[in-house]
């Protein structure tokens, strides 16, 4: 007793912690006996085994409802939608965020990556196994009915070779007249719908052909419209509709077209917008539906 107060009993925390880890008197480790540890271990083994079995069973049921070739939900009202977007090549994978096609006429190495990219992209059309030659009104309309047993139409690059958009001509890059590939996103079951004769858009009226998707490229802004110059479309009617509808089959040949920029200015950046035209293609600048943007910059100076 000191000053009327009892001295508090000191607690040996170190001794208490050691006893919690292992208490020889009670035979416990971390507060549990060996029997208790055995029981809780068996419980959690059974619990997690049943949980894993339940998860695997749910996954198996889910995968059993999917088709390897056709999305479960597609078409109107789904996230895939019914309005195709437009893609272009050459698009360099080494710089995926850039839409700029820039090269120098005095430096062959500057356009080599674009030529290599187009070579690789077009090489798939050399494989004609499992395809058929579609002439006249023959098309891919039987793909949805026949599925994997159907043979898709064969796509030919002959028109591009005649127009100078070939590997032998380095796709026009050497001459400063680059050829750009345009294509539509693949939508299961989608086919182009023809315009009525009196409703064809003015931009493609002189080149439009029923059953095809017409293409038109122009400058994004007024200044770009002045600088874009002459454009040649190969083929002139655009993307052939006989390769639709699309469905996932072996060696499907995606139809493409090319646009050749004949008179691009030198040392000036040109912003380009290319649109696809069919009655069932809507154009939305915000979501980039039915159109694509890229830039062209042809240099002609010593580096």
Foldseek 3Di string as FASTA:
>chain_A
DPPPDDDDDDDDVVVVVVCCCPPPVVCDGNPHHPVRVVVVVVVVVVVVVVVVVVVVVVVVVVVVVADPWDGPDFEPPDPNYQFWFKDKDPQDPVCNVAQEQEAELVDPVRLVSRLVSVCVVCVLLVDQPQADADDDLAADPCCVVVPQVHRHHRDDCVLCVVVLCDSVNSCCVNVVWHKMKMAIDAGAQHFFAADDLVPFDPQLNVQADPQAKAKHKAFPDPVLNVQQADKQKRVSNFWGRRRDDDIDYPSRDGTIIIMIRDGGDAQDKTKMKMFIDGPPHDQDPVVNTRMDIHIYHYHYDDD
